[in-house]
């Protein structure tokens, strides 16, 4: 099992490293230079490592980029990026040239005047750099990340809906369970956020409270009770009850854990977000643990997950997930009627068609995902 886990973790790390790309510079002379930035000095001189060696040029030689910057203080700046060094963006706006510390930048959008038509599907590589993809995940399918919805953002999918009450606190519900009488609510609060454009870290905690039923997607591997050789009559329930250990065992299979009484899930999730050296998006590493309790079932049910998501294109995100959960059978286990392993491996993608609609697919049920953000 240890060797199996090592192979999976190495595979996830290898995929994320392969997807990192070099940055491409468009120069006013018409030339294009592709390579990794080694240094940008205070005068705006670039040192770039290319396939043919080190190349030097000045920021004045680069085709200007239009930018939109939102600072950590909430200020919004629109203009042309005239220069930058390792610590500062210099933006020419309608109020003059502004010096903006990179440590004070919350979000930046390059060439912000460009826009995609609704429902455009395009997987071609863009020459424009982007520090943030079109989608910031609050969940890896069903497992939380350290991120939360920004204030005023509405999330709607076929299974759930959520709302960002503040930039640190969101509320969500599983609509599908609500429709079948399982009233539930899931508060999530971001207790920690730190870092800069190059690397950010977030931690969130939360709970999913099911007020009239059990936590979904929890199963147990058990045998059928096919008979009883020492039952007794219970007057209160007006039925015969078989004491534990006095029944005959039939075939083993997976059985869903259910309850009509309240149950809960508690979780903590961590995300580390790192800017690619190419300036073409980010790689995010995620980890978390949850415990669930269902009324009438004696065990506390843990789940542990590790995952990554990376921006392949500004509109396309690739996702990998590795989880330990002995109370969730894989598709193979469920249909084969066998208990094989407690490790769940999942891969998939999310594509942003426009600013509102996202579509994704992955290897575990329910296989397809779609949702809107407003």
Protein backbone atom coordinates (compact mmCIF):
# COMPACT_ATOMS: atom_id res chain seq x y z
CA UNK A 1 0.00 0.00 0.00
CA UNK A 2 2.87 2.41 0.82
CA UNK A 3 4.41 1.88 -2.62
CA UNK A 4 0.96 2.43 -4.21
CA UNK A 5 0.54 5.77 -2.44
CA UNK A 6 4.06 6.87 -3.38
CA UNK A 7 3.42 6.22 -7.08
CA UNK A 8 0.16 8.20 -6.98
CA UNK A 9 1.72 11.19 -5.19
CA UNK A 10 4.69 11.25 -7.57
CA UNK A 11 2.30 11.11 -10.53
CA UNK A 12 0.32 14.10 -9.24
CA UNK A 13 3.50 16.12 -8.66
CA UNK A 14 4.91 15.21 -12.08
CA UNK A 15 1.75 16.29 -13.90
CA UNK A 16 1.69 19.65 -12.13
CA UNK A 17 5.36 20.30 -12.97
CA UNK A 18 4.96 19.34 -16.63
CA UNK A 19 2.12 21.82 -17.02
CA UNK A 20 4.24 24.80 -16.02
CA UNK A 21 5.09 26.92 -19.10
CA UNK A 22 7.64 29.53 -20.09
CA UNK A 23 6.53 33.10 -20.65
CA UNK A 24 6.39 34.63 -24.11
CA UNK A 25 7.27 38.30 -24.67
CA UNK A 26 6.04 40.29 -27.65
CA UNK A 27 8.46 43.07 -28.54
CA UNK A 28 7.74 46.27 -30.44
CA UNK A 29 10.25 45.17 -33.07
CA UNK A 30 7.92 42.28 -33.95
CA UNK A 31 10.16 39.65 -32.36
CA UNK A 32 8.92 37.12 -29.81
CA UNK A 33 11.08 35.81 -26.99
CA UNK A 34 10.14 32.73 -24.98
CA UNK A 35 11.90 31.82 -21.76
CA UNK A 36 12.03 31.96 -17.99
CA UNK A 37 12.56 35.30 -16.24
CA UNK A 38 15.78 35.28 -14.21
CA UNK A 39 15.69 38.90 -13.04
CA UNK A 40 14.01 42.28 -13.55
CA UNK A 41 16.06 45.17 -12.18
CA UNK A 42 14.76 48.55 -11.00
CA UNK A 43 15.43 50.10 -14.42
CA UNK A 44 13.09 47.59 -16.07
CA UNK A 45 15.85 45.52 -17.68
CA UNK A 46 14.85 41.88 -18.17
CA UNK A 47 17.21 38.91 -18.03
CA UNK A 48 15.47 35.89 -19.62
CA UNK A 49 16.80 32.36 -20.01
CA UNK A 50 15.84 30.97 -23.42
CA UNK A 51 16.70 27.79 -25.32
CA UNK A 52 19.59 29.65 -26.99
CA UNK A 53 20.97 31.27 -23.86
CA UNK A 54 20.36 34.42 -21.79
CA UNK A 55 18.62 37.34 -23.51
CA UNK A 56 18.51 40.95 -22.26
CA UNK A 57 15.98 43.64 -23.12
CA UNK A 58 14.23 46.60 -21.51
CA UNK A 59 10.56 46.91 -20.53
CA UNK A 60 10.30 49.79 -23.06
CA UNK A 61 10.88 47.21 -25.81
CA UNK A 62 7.83 45.17 -24.77
CA UNK A 63 4.38 45.77 -26.29
CA UNK A 64 2.45 47.57 -23.49
CA UNK A 65 -0.10 45.58 -21.52
CA UNK A 66 -3.37 47.01 -20.29
CA UNK A 67 -4.02 45.99 -16.69
CA UNK A 68 -6.67 46.09 -14.03
CA UNK A 69 -5.33 45.87 -10.49
CA UNK A 70 -7.28 45.44 -7.26
CA UNK A 71 -5.20 46.09 -4.15
CA UNK A 72 -5.59 44.48 -0.74
CA UNK A 73 -7.02 47.82 0.44
CA UNK A 74 -9.83 47.52 -2.13
CA UNK A 75 -8.52 50.16 -4.57
CA UNK A 76 -9.13 49.49 -8.29
CA UNK A 77 -6.61 50.76 -10.83
CA UNK A 78 -6.95 50.71 -14.63
CA UNK A 79 -4.15 51.67 -16.98
CA UNK A 80 -1.14 50.61 -19.05
CA UNK A 81 1.73 48.70 -17.47
CA UNK A 82 4.74 50.85 -18.39
CA UNK A 83 7.35 49.06 -16.27
CA UNK A 84 7.85 46.52 -13.53
CA UNK A 85 10.60 45.06 -11.36
CA UNK A 86 10.69 42.23 -8.87
CA UNK A 87 8.75 44.27 -6.30
CA UNK A 88 6.65 46.91 -8.10
CA UNK A 89 4.20 47.46 -10.97
CA UNK A 90 4.32 50.90 -12.63
CA UNK A 91 0.96 51.75 -14.18
CA UNK A 92 0.12 54.79 -16.31
CA UNK A 93 -3.47 55.69 -15.46
CA UNK A 94 -5.69 58.72 -16.02
CA UNK A 95 -4.40 60.13 -12.72
CA UNK A 96 -0.72 59.66 -13.53
CA UNK A 97 1.92 56.97 -13.21
CA UNK A 98 1.31 54.88 -10.08
CA UNK A 99 3.80 52.66 -8.27
CA UNK A 100 2.02 49.62 -6.84
CA UNK A 101 3.81 47.18 -4.57
CA UNK A 102 3.32 43.58 -5.69
CA UNK A 103 2.83 42.60 -2.06
CA UNK A 104 -0.24 44.89 -1.98
CA UNK A 105 -1.90 43.35 -5.06
CA UNK A 106 -4.94 41.16 -4.41
CA UNK A 107 -5.85 40.55 -8.09
CA UNK A 108 -4.42 41.59 -11.45
CA UNK A 109 -5.93 41.14 -14.90
CA UNK A 110 -3.65 41.68 -17.91
CA UNK A 111 -5.10 43.03 -21.17
CA UNK A 112 -8.35 43.58 -19.30
CA UNK A 113 -10.01 45.27 -22.28
CA UNK A 114 -10.14 41.94 -24.11
CA UNK A 115 -13.27 39.86 -23.60
CA UNK A 116 -14.60 36.47 -24.66
CA UNK A 117 -17.89 36.04 -26.44
CA UNK A 118 -20.44 34.05 -24.45
CA UNK A 119 -20.13 30.28 -24.92
CA UNK A 120 -16.87 30.59 -26.87
CA UNK A 121 -14.83 27.38 -26.58
CA UNK A 122 -11.14 27.93 -27.18
CA UNK A 123 -8.25 25.80 -25.95
CA UNK A 124 -5.50 27.58 -27.90
CA UNK A 125 -2.61 29.08 -25.94
CA UNK A 126 -2.80 32.84 -25.43
CA UNK A 127 0.25 35.09 -25.64
CA UNK A 128 -1.19 37.19 -22.82
CA UNK A 129 0.02 36.41 -19.33
CA UNK A 130 -2.45 35.90 -16.54
CA UNK A 131 -1.71 35.60 -12.84
CA UNK A 132 -5.15 34.17 -12.05
CA UNK A 133 -7.32 31.78 -14.06
CA UNK A 134 -10.98 32.45 -14.71
CA UNK A 135 -11.92 30.07 -11.87
CA UNK A 136 -10.83 29.92 -8.21
CA UNK A 137 -12.04 26.66 -6.73
CA UNK A 138 -13.87 26.61 -3.39
CA UNK A 139 -14.15 22.80 -3.61
CA UNK A 140 -12.31 19.96 -5.33
CA UNK A 141 -15.57 18.42 -6.52
CA UNK A 142 -16.99 17.72 -3.02
CA UNK A 143 -13.90 18.34 -0.84
CA UNK A 144 -13.38 21.92 0.41
CA UNK A 145 -10.34 24.07 -0.36
CA UNK A 146 -9.01 26.97 1.70
CA UNK A 147 -10.79 29.44 -0.62
CA UNK A 148 -14.21 31.01 -0.09
CA UNK A 149 -16.53 32.97 -2.36
CA UNK A 150 -15.93 36.71 -2.49
CA UNK A 151 -18.56 38.98 -0.95
CA UNK A 152 -21.82 39.12 -2.90
CA UNK A 153 -20.96 36.17 -5.21
CA UNK A 154 -23.73 33.64 -5.90
CA UNK A 155 -22.89 30.03 -6.80
CA UNK A 156 -25.52 27.72 -8.34
CA UNK A 157 -25.16 24.16 -9.59
CA UNK A 158 -27.40 21.21 -10.20
CA UNK A 159 -26.76 19.93 -6.67
CA UNK A 160 -26.01 22.92 -4.45
CA UNK A 161 -26.04 26.69 -4.09
CA UNK A 162 -23.86 29.10 -2.10
CA UNK A 163 -23.52 32.79 -1.30
CA UNK A 164 -20.53 34.86 -0.14
CA UNK A 165 -21.74 36.90 2.84
CA UNK A 166 -18.29 38.50 3.26
CA UNK A 167 -14.86 37.96 1.71
CA UNK A 168 -14.19 35.43 4.49
CA UNK A 169 -17.56 33.79 5.14
CA UNK A 170 -19.91 31.84 2.87
CA UNK A 171 -23.08 29.81 3.35
CA UNK A 172 -24.14 26.90 1.12
CA UNK A 173 -26.79 24.18 1.02
CA UNK A 174 -27.19 20.91 -0.86
CA UNK A 175 -30.37 21.63 -2.81
CA UNK A 176 -30.81 18.03 -3.95
CA UNK A 177 -30.98 16.79 -0.35
CA UNK A 178 -33.32 19.64 0.56
CA UNK A 179 -35.77 18.52 -2.13
CA UNK A 180 -35.93 15.07 -0.52
CA UNK A 181 -36.55 16.40 2.99
CA UNK A 182 -33.01 16.51 4.37
CA UNK A 183 -32.74 20.11 5.60
CA UNK A 184 -29.08 21.16 5.66
CA UNK A 185 -26.73 24.15 5.84
CA UNK A 186 -22.97 24.45 5.36
CA UNK A 187 -21.18 27.50 6.80
CA UNK A 188 -17.52 27.97 5.82
CA UNK A 189 -15.16 30.57 7.31
CA UNK A 190 -11.65 31.52 6.17
CA UNK A 191 -9.58 31.80 9.33
CA UNK A 192 -6.22 32.55 7.68
CA UNK A 193 -4.96 34.23 4.52
CA UNK A 194 -1.41 35.36 3.89
CA UNK A 195 1.14 35.88 1.14
CA UNK A 196 1.71 37.84 -2.05
CA UNK A 197 1.13 37.43 -5.79
CA UNK A 198 3.92 34.86 -5.99
CA UNK A 199 2.58 32.62 -3.22
CA UNK A 200 -0.60 32.69 -1.13
CA UNK A 201 -1.85 30.47 1.69
CA UNK A 202 -5.40 30.13 2.99
CA UNK A 203 -7.08 28.02 5.66
CA UNK A 204 -10.83 27.57 6.11
CA UNK A 205 -12.98 25.69 8.60
CA UNK A 206 -16.61 24.73 8.37
CA UNK A 207 -19.42 22.34 9.12
CA UNK A 208 -22.17 20.70 7.14
CA UNK A 209 -25.19 20.32 9.38
CA UNK A 210 -27.96 17.94 8.33
CA UNK A 211 -30.94 18.78 10.51
CA UNK A 212 -33.29 16.01 9.41
CA UNK A 213 -31.19 13.21 8.00
CA UNK A 214 -27.76 11.66 7.51
CA UNK A 215 -24.59 12.93 5.87
CA UNK A 216 -24.80 11.71 2.24
CA UNK A 217 -22.31 9.45 0.46
CA UNK A 218 -21.51 7.35 3.56
CA UNK A 219 -21.62 3.57 3.24
CA UNK A 220 -20.56 0.57 5.31
CA UNK A 221 -19.25 -2.84 4.27
CA UNK A 222 -21.33 -5.43 6.10
CA UNK A 223 -22.95 -8.81 5.83
CA UNK A 224 -26.65 -9.46 5.49
CA UNK A 225 -28.49 -10.77 8.54
CA UNK A 226 -30.30 -13.83 7.20
CA UNK A 227 -31.63 -15.31 10.42
CA UNK A 228 -31.72 -15.15 14.20
CA UNK A 229 -31.46 -17.95 16.69
CA UNK A 230 -32.03 -15.97 19.91
CA UNK A 231 -34.57 -13.18 19.40
CA UNK A 232 -36.90 -11.71 22.00
CA UNK A 233 -40.15 -9.80 22.02
CA UNK A 234 -39.99 -6.07 22.84
CA UNK A 235 -43.27 -4.67 24.15
CA UNK A 236 -42.41 -1.02 23.49
CA UNK A 237 -41.83 -1.55 19.77
CA UNK A 238 -44.23 -4.52 19.50
CA UNK A 239 -41.64 -6.48 17.53
CA UNK A 240 -39.06 -9.21 17.85
CA UNK A 241 -35.46 -8.06 18.23
CA UNK A 242 -32.32 -10.03 17.58
CA UNK A 243 -29.45 -9.28 19.95
CA UNK A 244 -26.04 -8.41 18.48
CA UNK A 245 -24.10 -11.55 17.67
CA UNK A 246 -27.11 -13.90 17.56
CA UNK A 247 -27.79 -13.77 13.83
CA UNK A 248 -26.54 -15.75 10.88
CA UNK A 249 -24.37 -13.93 8.33
CA UNK A 250 -25.24 -13.84 4.67
CA UNK A 251 -23.29 -12.32 1.75
CA UNK A 252 -21.26 -9.14 2.32
CA UNK A 253 -22.09 -5.94 0.41
CA UNK A 254 -22.13 -2.15 0.64
CA UNK A 255 -25.07 -0.61 2.48
CA UNK A 256 -25.84 3.10 2.70
CA UNK A 257 -25.81 4.58 6.20
CA UNK A 258 -29.11 6.37 6.80
CA UNK A 259 -30.84 8.18 9.63
CA UNK A 260 -33.89 10.38 10.18
CA UNK A 261 -32.16 12.31 12.97
CA UNK A 262 -29.63 15.17 12.78
CA UNK A 263 -26.04 14.46 11.74
CA UNK A 264 -22.99 16.56 10.92
CA UNK A 265 -19.67 16.86 9.13
CA UNK A 266 -16.79 19.07 10.38
CA UNK A 267 -13.83 20.01 8.17
CA UNK A 268 -10.64 22.06 7.88
CA UNK A 269 -9.02 22.79 4.51
CA UNK A 270 -5.71 24.34 3.40
CA UNK A 271 -4.66 25.78 0.03
CA UNK A 272 -1.23 26.95 -1.13
CA UNK A 273 -1.37 28.94 -4.39
CA UNK A 274 1.84 29.53 -6.31
CA UNK A 275 2.33 31.66 -9.43
CA UNK A 276 4.02 29.82 -12.29
CA UNK A 277 7.40 31.21 -13.30
CA UNK A 278 5.97 31.77 -16.80
CA UNK A 279 3.32 34.19 -15.47
CA UNK A 280 0.71 31.93 -17.13
CA UNK A 281 -1.56 31.08 -14.21
CA UNK A 282 -1.07 29.28 -10.92
CA UNK A 283 -0.58 25.86 -9.34
CA UNK A 284 -2.66 25.29 -6.21
CA UNK A 285 -1.99 22.54 -3.68
CA UNK A 286 -4.87 21.54 -1.41
CA UNK A 287 -5.22 19.39 1.70
CA UNK A 288 -7.96 18.77 4.21
CA UNK A 289 -9.56 16.48 6.74
CA UNK A 290 -13.17 15.97 7.76
CA UNK A 291 -15.05 13.89 10.33
CA UNK A 292 -18.69 12.87 10.06
CA UNK A 293 -21.14 11.57 12.62
CA UNK A 294 -24.53 10.04 11.81
CA UNK A 295 -27.08 9.49 14.57
CA UNK A 296 -27.53 5.80 15.33
CA UNK A 297 -24.16 4.81 13.85
CA UNK A 298 -21.41 4.45 16.48
CA UNK A 299 -18.32 5.28 14.41
CA UNK A 300 -16.82 8.71 13.71
CA UNK A 301 -16.08 8.65 9.98
CA UNK A 302 -12.86 10.42 8.87
CA UNK A 303 -11.87 11.51 5.37
CA UNK A 304 -8.45 12.89 4.33
CA UNK A 305 -7.68 14.42 0.95
CA UNK A 306 -4.74 15.84 -1.01
CA UNK A 307 -5.11 17.49 -4.37
CA UNK A 308 -3.88 20.01 -6.87
CA UNK A 309 -5.43 22.24 -9.50
CA UNK A 310 -3.47 24.08 -12.14
CA UNK A 311 -4.28 26.61 -14.86
CA UNK A 312 -3.53 25.01 -18.23
CA UNK A 313 -5.16 27.97 -19.99
CA UNK A 314 -6.83 30.99 -18.46
CA UNK A 315 -10.21 29.34 -19.00
CA UNK A 316 -9.13 25.71 -18.38
CA UNK A 317 -8.16 24.16 -15.06
CA UNK A 318 -6.89 20.60 -14.54
CA UNK A 319 -7.66 18.92 -11.20
CA UNK A 320 -6.23 15.87 -9.41
CA UNK A 321 -7.42 14.39 -6.12
CA UNK A 322 -6.20 11.65 -3.79
CA UNK A 323 -8.43 10.77 -0.81
CA UNK A 324 -8.62 8.22 1.99
CA UNK A 325 -12.20 7.29 2.93
CA UNK A 326 -13.21 3.84 4.17
CA UNK A 327 -16.88 4.85 4.12
CA UNK A 328 -17.12 5.65 0.41
CA UNK A 329 -16.82 2.77 -2.08
CA UNK A 330 -15.32 3.34 -5.49
CA UNK A 331 -17.45 2.63 -8.56
CA UNK A 332 -15.58 -0.66 -9.03
CA UNK A 333 -16.18 -1.69 -5.40
CA UNK A 334 -19.84 -0.76 -5.55
CA UNK A 335 -20.68 -2.80 -8.64
CA UNK A 336 -18.34 -5.70 -7.94
CA UNK A 337 -19.63 -6.10 -4.37
CA UNK A 338 -16.09 -6.26 -3.02
CA UNK A 339 -14.00 -4.25 -0.58
CA UNK A 340 -10.65 -3.55 -2.23
CA UNK A 341 -9.07 -0.31 -1.00
CA UNK A 342 -9.91 2.88 0.88
CA UNK A 343 -7.96 5.07 -1.55
CA UNK A 344 -9.88 7.21 -4.05
CA UNK A 345 -8.05 8.69 -7.04
CA UNK A 346 -9.78 11.27 -9.21
CA UNK A 347 -8.78 13.42 -12.20
CA UNK A 348 -10.78 15.98 -14.13
CA UNK A 349 -11.07 19.49 -15.49
CA UNK A 350 -13.13 22.67 -15.21
CA UNK A 351 -13.66 24.93 -18.23
CA UNK A 352 -14.98 28.49 -17.95
CA UNK A 353 -17.07 29.28 -21.03
CA UNK A 354 -17.56 32.85 -19.86
CA UNK A 355 -17.60 34.89 -16.66
CA UNK A 356 -20.66 33.02 -15.35
CA UNK A 357 -20.85 29.43 -16.63
CA UNK A 358 -18.43 26.56 -15.88
CA UNK A 359 -18.49 22.95 -17.07
CA UNK A 360 -16.35 20.07 -15.85
CA UNK A 361 -15.89 16.31 -15.85
CA UNK A 362 -14.03 13.82 -13.66
CA UNK A 363 -13.60 10.08 -13.05
CA UNK A 364 -15.92 9.56 -10.07
CA UNK A 365 -19.66 9.95 -9.60
CA UNK A 366 -21.48 12.15 -10.62
CA UNK A 367 -18.83 12.45 -13.43
CA UNK A 368 -20.16 15.77 -14.84
CA UNK A 369 -20.21 19.14 -13.07
CA UNK A 370 -21.73 22.42 -14.14
CA UNK A 371 -22.40 25.63 -12.26
CA UNK A 372 -22.90 29.36 -12.52
CA UNK A 373 -21.26 32.22 -10.61
CA UNK A 374 -22.72 35.72 -10.57
